[in-house]
């Protein structure tokens, strides 16, 4: 079986792809996995290290052909806040739980999770149920969180998804980088206070 050993980042290729694979969030975080494209091309994903694939990336086969990666629609919860500051506060709570989160211009998207949805509603946020490709923020923090969740068996609810592939997809990647910067800044500040309060409580027991 032919192998795919390299990845080209989003839209960094001009030639037409030989085939397309439609993958959900879990299957876009693999190092080695047998795959079949929508046109029937069978190949083995065989990367040196696990890479977080995103919609619009391309897998490079040993013979030079490309297979385009498409993010499959999944059941998601879109979280809306009353204002940007409120949304940043909610984002901090999601980050504190190492929850993969997609940052949108007017909200945050997570995979459906009734416990987390109840938590953010308790924080005053609004939750909208949608179906869309899930493309959370990447980087070392998100990669570590995903691996950590797998290692501790925290992804049970993550696998309650359908593999039905809707090919009426799109490649929209709306990320508000301004919100992302504010989120990280706020996260570090509040995280420091969180640990301070925790140790303080123990001192008085």
C-alpha atoms as a PDB file:
ATOM      1  CA  UNK A   1       0.000   0.000   0.000  1.00  0.00           C
ATOM      2  CA  UNK A   2       1.345   3.402  -0.947  1.00  0.00           C
ATOM      3  CA  UNK A   3       2.199   5.677   1.965  1.00  0.00           C
ATOM      4  CA  UNK A   4       1.600   9.360   2.690  1.00  0.00           C
ATOM      5  CA  UNK A   5       4.675  10.564   4.561  1.00  0.00           C
ATOM      6  CA  UNK A   6       4.489  14.355   4.402  1.00  0.00           C
ATOM      7  CA  UNK A   7       1.956  17.139   4.939  1.00  0.00           C
ATOM      8  CA  UNK A   8       1.608  20.409   3.051  1.00  0.00           C
ATOM      9  CA  UNK A   9      -0.054  23.196   5.043  1.00  0.00           C
ATOM     10  CA  UNK A  10      -3.335  24.861   4.097  1.00  0.00           C
ATOM     11  CA  UNK A  11      -3.464  25.932   0.453  1.00  0.00           C
ATOM     12  CA  UNK A  12       0.317  25.729  -0.025  1.00  0.00           C
ATOM     13  CA  UNK A  13      -0.086  23.651  -3.175  1.00  0.00           C
ATOM     14  CA  UNK A  14      -1.300  24.512  -6.672  1.00  0.00           C
ATOM     15  CA  UNK A  15      -1.594  21.158  -8.446  1.00  0.00           C
ATOM     16  CA  UNK A  16      -4.895  19.281  -8.371  1.00  0.00           C
ATOM     17  CA  UNK A  17      -5.226  16.630  -5.660  1.00  0.00           C
ATOM     18  CA  UNK A  18      -5.484  13.001  -6.788  1.00  0.00           C
ATOM     19  CA  UNK A  19      -8.145  12.331  -4.153  1.00  0.00           C
ATOM     20  CA  UNK A  20      -9.775  13.743  -1.000  1.00  0.00           C
ATOM     21  CA  UNK A  21     -10.184  12.351   2.501  1.00  0.00           C
ATOM     22  CA  UNK A  22     -13.015  13.620   4.711  1.00  0.00           C
ATOM     23  CA  UNK A  23     -11.915  13.355   8.343  1.00  0.00           C
ATOM     24  CA  UNK A  24     -13.436  14.325  11.665  1.00  0.00           C
ATOM     25  CA  UNK A  25     -11.413  15.962  14.448  1.00  0.00           C
ATOM     26  CA  UNK A  26     -10.158  12.682  15.967  1.00  0.00           C
ATOM     27  CA  UNK A  27      -9.015  11.237  12.648  1.00  0.00           C
ATOM     28  CA  UNK A  28      -7.125  14.447  11.876  1.00  0.00           C
ATOM     29  CA  UNK A  29      -4.836  13.721  14.871  1.00  0.00           C
ATOM     30  CA  UNK A  30      -3.137  10.505  13.754  1.00  0.00           C
ATOM     31  CA  UNK A  31       0.414   9.461  13.017  1.00  0.00           C
ATOM     32  CA  UNK A  32      -0.277   6.138  11.292  1.00  0.00           C
ATOM     33  CA  UNK A  33      -3.649   5.105   9.866  1.00  0.00           C
ATOM     34  CA  UNK A  34      -5.023   3.358   6.762  1.00  0.00           C
ATOM     35  CA  UNK A  35      -7.217   5.738   4.766  1.00  0.00           C
ATOM     36  CA  UNK A  36      -9.456   5.603   1.709  1.00  0.00           C
ATOM     37  CA  UNK A  37     -10.188   8.693  -0.372  1.00  0.00           C
ATOM     38  CA  UNK A  38     -13.624   9.658  -1.654  1.00  0.00           C
ATOM     39  CA  UNK A  39     -12.591   8.436  -5.127  1.00  0.00           C
ATOM     40  CA  UNK A  40     -11.363   5.090  -3.803  1.00  0.00           C
ATOM     41  CA  UNK A  41      -7.625   5.745  -3.425  1.00  0.00           C
ATOM     42  CA  UNK A  42      -6.294   3.563  -0.581  1.00  0.00           C
ATOM     43  CA  UNK A  43      -3.121   4.607   1.211  1.00  0.00           C
ATOM     44  CA  UNK A  44      -1.390   4.483   4.573  1.00  0.00           C
ATOM     45  CA  UNK A  45      -0.844   7.675   6.521  1.00  0.00           C
ATOM     46  CA  UNK A  46       2.647   7.114   7.922  1.00  0.00           C
ATOM     47  CA  UNK A  47       4.084  10.264   9.477  1.00  0.00           C
ATOM     48  CA  UNK A  48       7.209  10.521  11.586  1.00  0.00           C
ATOM     49  CA  UNK A  49       5.233  12.408  14.247  1.00  0.00           C
ATOM     50  CA  UNK A  50       1.517  12.961  14.793  1.00  0.00           C
ATOM     51  CA  UNK A  51       0.467  16.238  13.178  1.00  0.00           C
ATOM     52  CA  UNK A  52      -2.805  18.109  13.675  1.00  0.00           C
ATOM     53  CA  UNK A  53      -4.256  18.110  10.164  1.00  0.00           C
ATOM     54  CA  UNK A  54      -6.584  20.949   9.216  1.00  0.00           C
ATOM     55  CA  UNK A  55      -9.117  21.320   6.440  1.00  0.00           C
ATOM     56  CA  UNK A  56      -7.237  22.478   3.345  1.00  0.00           C
ATOM     57  CA  UNK A  57      -4.005  20.600   4.136  1.00  0.00           C
ATOM     58  CA  UNK A  58      -2.646  18.034   1.671  1.00  0.00           C
ATOM     59  CA  UNK A  59      -1.041  14.669   2.317  1.00  0.00           C
ATOM     60  CA  UNK A  60       1.914  13.907   0.019  1.00  0.00           C
ATOM     61  CA  UNK A  61       2.095  10.341  -1.303  1.00  0.00           C
ATOM     62  CA  UNK A  62       5.402   8.618  -2.013  1.00  0.00           C
ATOM     63  CA  UNK A  63       4.886   9.064  -5.766  1.00  0.00           C
ATOM     64  CA  UNK A  64       4.312  12.807  -5.339  1.00  0.00           C
ATOM     65  CA  UNK A  65       0.525  12.824  -5.723  1.00  0.00           C
ATOM     66  CA  UNK A  66      -1.527  14.829  -3.240  1.00  0.00           C
ATOM     67  CA  UNK A  67      -4.583  13.915  -1.177  1.00  0.00           C
ATOM     68  CA  UNK A  68      -6.546  16.902   0.101  1.00  0.00           C
ATOM     69  CA  UNK A  69      -7.830  16.889   3.686  1.00  0.00           C
ATOM     70  CA  UNK A  70     -11.409  18.046   4.270  1.00  0.00           C
ATOM     71  CA  UNK A  71     -12.780  18.579   7.790  1.00  0.00           C
ATOM     72  CA  UNK A  72     -16.009  16.597   8.188  1.00  0.00           C
ATOM     73  CA  UNK A  73     -19.103  18.305   9.639  1.00  0.00           C
ATOM     74  CA  UNK A  74     -19.686  17.334  13.278  1.00  0.00           C
ATOM     75  CA  UNK A  75     -22.265  18.159  15.987  1.00  0.00           C
ATOM     76  CA  UNK A  76     -20.916  21.300  17.653  1.00  0.00           C
ATOM     77  CA  UNK A  77     -22.004  23.872  20.205  1.00  0.00           C
ATOM     78  CA  UNK A  78     -21.433  27.511  19.303  1.00  0.00           C
ATOM     79  CA  UNK A  79     -21.069  29.675  22.405  1.00  0.00           C
ATOM     80  CA  UNK A  80     -22.045  33.343  22.298  1.00  0.00           C
ATOM     81  CA  UNK A  81     -21.251  35.904  24.984  1.00  0.00           C
ATOM     82  CA  UNK A  82     -22.888  39.214  25.862  1.00  0.00           C
ATOM     83  CA  UNK A  83     -19.716  41.123  24.878  1.00  0.00           C
ATOM     84  CA  UNK A  84     -16.052  40.348  23.979  1.00  0.00           C
ATOM     85  CA  UNK A  85     -14.914  40.457  27.612  1.00  0.00           C
ATOM     86  CA  UNK A  86     -17.611  37.969  28.614  1.00  0.00           C
ATOM     87  CA  UNK A  87     -16.542  35.659  25.772  1.00  0.00           C
ATOM     88  CA  UNK A  88     -12.883  35.856  26.874  1.00  0.00           C
ATOM     89  CA  UNK A  89     -13.943  34.827  30.380  1.00  0.00           C
ATOM     90  CA  UNK A  90     -15.788  31.802  28.979  1.00  0.00           C
ATOM     91  CA  UNK A  91     -12.759  30.984  26.779  1.00  0.00           C
ATOM     92  CA  UNK A  92     -10.544  30.934  29.853  1.00  0.00           C
ATOM     93  CA  UNK A  93     -12.791  28.364  31.541  1.00  0.00           C
ATOM     94  CA  UNK A  94     -12.690  26.174  28.412  1.00  0.00           C
ATOM     95  CA  UNK A  95      -8.894  26.486  28.204  1.00  0.00           C
ATOM     96  CA  UNK A  96      -8.577  25.656  31.888  1.00  0.00           C
ATOM     97  CA  UNK A  97     -10.245  22.303  31.081  1.00  0.00           C
ATOM     98  CA  UNK A  98      -7.885  21.685  28.123  1.00  0.00           C
ATOM     99  CA  UNK A  99     -10.908  21.622  25.822  1.00  0.00           C
ATOM    100  CA  UNK A 100     -10.224  21.955  22.060  1.00  0.00           C
ATOM    101  CA  UNK A 101     -11.904  25.217  21.052  1.00  0.00           C
ATOM    102  CA  UNK A 102     -12.435  26.920  17.706  1.00  0.00           C
ATOM    103  CA  UNK A 103     -12.368  30.720  17.890  1.00  0.00           C
ATOM    104  CA  UNK A 104     -14.883  32.445  15.614  1.00  0.00           C
ATOM    105  CA  UNK A 105     -15.457  36.178  15.019  1.00  0.00           C
ATOM    106  CA  UNK A 106     -18.582  36.195  17.225  1.00  0.00           C
ATOM    107  CA  UNK A 107     -18.249  33.095  19.353  1.00  0.00           C
ATOM    108  CA  UNK A 108     -16.482  29.897  20.354  1.00  0.00           C
ATOM    109  CA  UNK A 109     -17.128  26.410  19.030  1.00  0.00           C
ATOM    110  CA  UNK A 110     -16.657  23.159  20.924  1.00  0.00           C
ATOM    111  CA  UNK A 111     -17.809  19.604  20.364  1.00  0.00           C
ATOM    112  CA  UNK A 112     -21.180  18.832  21.917  1.00  0.00           C
ATOM    113  CA  UNK A 113     -20.798  18.111  25.633  1.00  0.00           C
ATOM    114  CA  UNK A 114     -23.822  18.576  27.894  1.00  0.00           C
ATOM    115  CA  UNK A 115     -21.653  19.060  31.009  1.00  0.00           C
ATOM    116  CA  UNK A 116     -19.590  21.847  29.430  1.00  0.00           C
ATOM    117  CA  UNK A 117     -22.672  23.394  27.822  1.00  0.00           C
ATOM    118  CA  UNK A 118     -24.358  23.558  31.236  1.00  0.00           C
ATOM    119  CA  UNK A 119     -21.226  25.187  32.666  1.00  0.00           C
ATOM    120  CA  UNK A 120     -21.062  27.949  30.055  1.00  0.00           C
ATOM    121  CA  UNK A 121     -24.805  28.583  30.379  1.00  0.00           C
ATOM    122  CA  UNK A 122     -24.179  29.006  34.102  1.00  0.00           C
ATOM    123  CA  UNK A 123     -21.621  31.674  33.162  1.00  0.00           C
ATOM    124  CA  UNK A 124     -24.361  33.534  31.290  1.00  0.00           C
ATOM    125  CA  UNK A 125     -23.403  32.457  27.765  1.00  0.00           C
ATOM    126  CA  UNK A 126     -25.812  31.302  25.049  1.00  0.00           C
ATOM    127  CA  UNK A 127     -25.321  27.902  23.365  1.00  0.00           C
ATOM    128  CA  UNK A 128     -26.425  27.226  19.774  1.00  0.00           C
ATOM    129  CA  UNK A 129     -26.439  23.656  18.443  1.00  0.00           C
ATOM    130  CA  UNK A 130     -24.926  23.440  14.942  1.00  0.00           C
ATOM    131  CA  UNK A 131     -23.298  20.994  12.524  1.00  0.00           C
ATOM    132  CA  UNK A 132     -20.066  22.230  10.969  1.00  0.00           C
ATOM    133  CA  UNK A 133     -16.435  21.222  10.387  1.00  0.00           C
ATOM    134  CA  UNK A 134     -14.490  21.491  13.648  1.00  0.00           C
ATOM    135  CA  UNK A 135     -11.155  23.259  13.262  1.00  0.00           C
ATOM    136  CA  UNK A 136      -9.930  24.232  16.752  1.00  0.00           C
ATOM    137  CA  UNK A 137      -6.928  26.402  17.487  1.00  0.00           C
ATOM    138  CA  UNK A 138      -3.639  24.565  16.998  1.00  0.00           C
ATOM    139  CA  UNK A 139      -0.222  24.959  18.543  1.00  0.00           C
ATOM    140  CA  UNK A 140       1.728  23.068  21.189  1.00  0.00           C
ATOM    141  CA  UNK A 141      -0.819  23.794  23.936  1.00  0.00           C
ATOM    142  CA  UNK A 142      -3.717  22.304  21.976  1.00  0.00           C
ATOM    143  CA  UNK A 143      -1.637  19.319  20.834  1.00  0.00           C
ATOM    144  CA  UNK A 144      -0.563  18.569  24.406  1.00  0.00           C
ATOM    145  CA  UNK A 145      -4.157  18.896  25.619  1.00  0.00           C
ATOM    146  CA  UNK A 146      -5.423  16.458  22.999  1.00  0.00           C
ATOM    147  CA  UNK A 147      -2.713  13.903  23.813  1.00  0.00           C
ATOM    148  CA  UNK A 148      -3.287  14.385  27.543  1.00  0.00           C
ATOM    149  CA  UNK A 149      -7.029  13.815  27.157  1.00  0.00           C
ATOM    150  CA  UNK A 150      -6.422  10.617  25.192  1.00  0.00           C
ATOM    151  CA  UNK A 151      -3.914   9.342  27.768  1.00  0.00           C
ATOM    152  CA  UNK A 152      -6.361   9.886  30.628  1.00  0.00           C
ATOM    153  CA  UNK A 153      -9.393   8.512  28.809  1.00  0.00           C
ATOM    154  CA  UNK A 154     -11.221  11.852  28.737  1.00  0.00           C
ATOM    155  CA  UNK A 155     -12.415  11.546  25.155  1.00  0.00           C
ATOM    156  CA  UNK A 156     -15.296   9.134  25.670  1.00  0.00           C
ATOM    157  CA  UNK A 157     -17.856  11.673  24.546  1.00  0.00           C
ATOM    158  CA  UNK A 158     -15.649  12.671  21.631  1.00  0.00           C
ATOM    159  CA  UNK A 159     -16.299   9.401  19.874  1.00  0.00           C
ATOM    160  CA  UNK A 160     -20.088   9.747  19.861  1.00  0.00           C
ATOM    161  CA  UNK A 161     -20.056  11.163  16.373  1.00  0.00           C
ATOM    162  CA  UNK A 162     -21.250  10.065  12.975  1.00  0.00           C
ATOM    163  CA  UNK A 163     -18.929   9.097  10.139  1.00  0.00           C
ATOM    164  CA  UNK A 164     -21.548  10.071   7.586  1.00  0.00           C
ATOM    165  CA  UNK A 165     -19.681  12.260   5.170  1.00  0.00           C
ATOM    166  CA  UNK A 166     -21.443  15.303   3.831  1.00  0.00           C
ATOM    167  CA  UNK A 167     -19.502  16.401   0.791  1.00  0.00           C
ATOM    168  CA  UNK A 168     -21.241  19.775   0.635  1.00  0.00           C
ATOM    169  CA  UNK A 169     -18.371  21.154   2.607  1.00  0.00           C
ATOM    170  CA  UNK A 170     -16.553  24.426   2.518  1.00  0.00           C
ATOM    171  CA  UNK A 171     -13.111  25.572   3.479  1.00  0.00           C
ATOM    172  CA  UNK A 172     -14.002  28.592   5.583  1.00  0.00           C
ATOM    173  CA  UNK A 173     -11.495  29.244   8.342  1.00  0.00           C
ATOM    174  CA  UNK A 174     -12.647  32.272  10.254  1.00  0.00           C
ATOM    175  CA  UNK A 175     -10.320  32.876  13.134  1.00  0.00           C
ATOM    176  CA  UNK A 176     -10.271  36.055  15.140  1.00  0.00           C
ATOM    177  CA  UNK A 177      -6.610  36.402  15.988  1.00  0.00           C
ATOM    178  CA  UNK A 178      -7.341  39.441  18.128  1.00  0.00           C
ATOM    179  CA  UNK A 179      -9.578  37.348  20.360  1.00  0.00           C
ATOM    180  CA  UNK A 180      -6.932  34.666  20.460  1.00  0.00           C
ATOM    181  CA  UNK A 181      -4.330  37.095  21.761  1.00  0.00           C
ATOM    182  CA  UNK A 182      -6.699  38.455  24.385  1.00  0.00           C
ATOM    183  CA  UNK A 183      -7.647  34.932  25.418  1.00  0.00           C
ATOM    184  CA  UNK A 184      -4.071  33.888  26.097  1.00  0.00           C
ATOM    185  CA  UNK A 185      -3.310  37.078  27.982  1.00  0.00           C
ATOM    186  CA  UNK A 186      -6.435  36.751  30.100  1.00  0.00           C
ATOM    187  CA  UNK A 187      -5.831  33.063  30.623  1.00  0.00           C
ATOM    188  CA  UNK A 188      -2.379  33.583  32.112  1.00  0.00           C
ATOM    189  CA  UNK A 189      -3.535  36.370  34.398  1.00  0.00           C
ATOM    190  CA  UNK A 190      -6.560  34.533  35.726  1.00  0.00           C
ATOM    191  CA  UNK A 191      -4.684  31.244  35.893  1.00  0.00           C
ATOM    192  CA  UNK A 192      -2.174  32.788  38.250  1.00  0.00           C
ATOM    193  CA  UNK A 193      -4.958  34.036  40.512  1.00  0.00           C
ATOM    194  CA  UNK A 194      -6.637  30.660  40.386  1.00  0.00           C
ATOM    195  CA  UNK A 195      -3.590  28.898  41.793  1.00  0.00           C
ATOM    196  CA  UNK A 196      -3.128  31.594  44.406  1.00  0.00           C
ATOM    197  CA  UNK A 197      -6.699  31.154  45.652  1.00  0.00           C
ATOM    198  CA  UNK A 198      -6.329  27.382  45.716  1.00  0.00           C
ATOM    199  CA  UNK A 199      -3.201  27.378  47.883  1.00  0.00           C
ATOM    200  CA  UNK A 200      -4.659  30.060  50.106  1.00  0.00           C
ATOM    201  CA  UNK A 201      -7.692  27.871  50.836  1.00  0.00           C
ATOM    202  CA  UNK A 202      -5.457  24.986  51.857  1.00  0.00           C
ATOM    203  CA  UNK A 203      -3.516  27.156  54.287  1.00  0.00           C
ATOM    204  CA  UNK A 204      -6.651  27.739  56.340  1.00  0.00           C
ATOM    205  CA  UNK A 205      -7.805  24.111  56.586  1.00  0.00           C
END
